[in-house]
C-alpha atoms as a PDB file:
ATOM      1  CA  UNK A   1     109.817  69.655 118.579  1.00  0.00           C
ATOM      2  CA  UNK A   2     112.077  70.841 116.534  1.00  0.00           C
ATOM      3  CA  UNK A   3     109.909  72.425 113.837  1.00  0.00           C
ATOM      4  CA  UNK A   4     108.035  74.309 116.996  1.00  0.00           C
ATOM      5  CA  UNK A   5     111.694  75.326 118.113  1.00  0.00           C
ATOM      6  CA  UNK A   6     112.662  76.525 114.465  1.00  0.00           C
ATOM      7  CA  UNK A   7     109.409  78.704 114.106  1.00  0.00           C
ATOM      8  CA  UNK A   8     109.597  80.351 117.477  1.00  0.00           C
ATOM      9  CA  UNK A   9     113.425  81.294 116.937  1.00  0.00           C
ATOM     10  CA  UNK A  10     112.892  82.467 113.268  1.00  0.00           C
ATOM     11  CA  UNK A  11     109.893  84.324 114.383  1.00  0.00           C
ATOM     12  CA  UNK A  12     111.084  85.756 117.452  1.00  0.00           C
ATOM     13  CA  UNK A  13     114.125  87.358 115.482  1.00  0.00           C
ATOM     14  CA  UNK A  14     111.490  88.867 113.157  1.00  0.00           C
ATOM     15  CA  UNK A  15     109.732  90.435 116.136  1.00  0.00           C
ATOM     16  CA  UNK A  16     113.138  91.861 117.503  1.00  0.00           C
ATOM     17  CA  UNK A  17     114.107  93.112 114.379  1.00  0.00           C
ATOM     18  CA  UNK A  18     110.665  94.720 113.919  1.00  0.00           C
ATOM     19  CA  UNK A  19     110.897  96.147 117.765  1.00  0.00           C
ATOM     20  CA  UNK A  20     114.200  97.742 116.979  1.00  0.00           C
ATOM     21  CA  UNK A  21     113.304  99.328 113.839  1.00  0.00           C
ATOM     22  CA  UNK A  22     109.741 100.838 114.889  1.00  0.00           C
ATOM     23  CA  UNK A  23     110.638 103.479 116.913  1.00  0.00           C
ATOM     24  CA  UNK A  24     113.375 104.945 114.855  1.00  0.00           C
ATOM     25  CA  UNK A  25     112.823 108.485 114.327  1.00  0.00           C
ATOM     26  CA  UNK A  26     114.029 108.621 110.632  1.00  0.00           C
ATOM     27  CA  UNK A  27     111.707 105.739 109.349  1.00  0.00           C
ATOM     28  CA  UNK A  28     109.105 108.085 108.155  1.00  0.00           C
ATOM     29  CA  UNK A  29     110.969 110.832 106.933  1.00  0.00           C
ATOM     30  CA  UNK A  30     112.270 111.261 103.544  1.00  0.00           C
ATOM     31  CA  UNK A  31     115.537 113.447 102.667  1.00  0.00           C
ATOM     32  CA  UNK A  32     114.627 116.509 100.784  1.00  0.00           C
ATOM     33  CA  UNK A  33     114.733 116.250  96.712  1.00  0.00           C
ATOM     34  CA  UNK A  34     117.880 117.703  95.194  1.00  0.00           C
ATOM     35  CA  UNK A  35     117.550 120.030  92.343  1.00  0.00           C
ATOM     36  CA  UNK A  36     118.245 118.374  89.151  1.00  0.00           C
ATOM     37  CA  UNK A  37     121.774 119.037  87.081  1.00  0.00           C
ATOM     38  CA  UNK A  38     122.244 119.760  83.719  1.00  0.00           C
ATOM     39  CA  UNK A  39     119.464 119.182  80.858  1.00  0.00           C
ATOM     40  CA  UNK A  40     116.855 116.973  82.935  1.00  0.00           C
END
């Protein structure tokens, strides 16, 4: 019983985190590259 409960809770938290992160607009966008400074 405890094993099942702990698995359900941990997987539920993972699913909640994925559900909250996936609709973010900035997930697929990288910031523009900055110009190198100095003797790069």
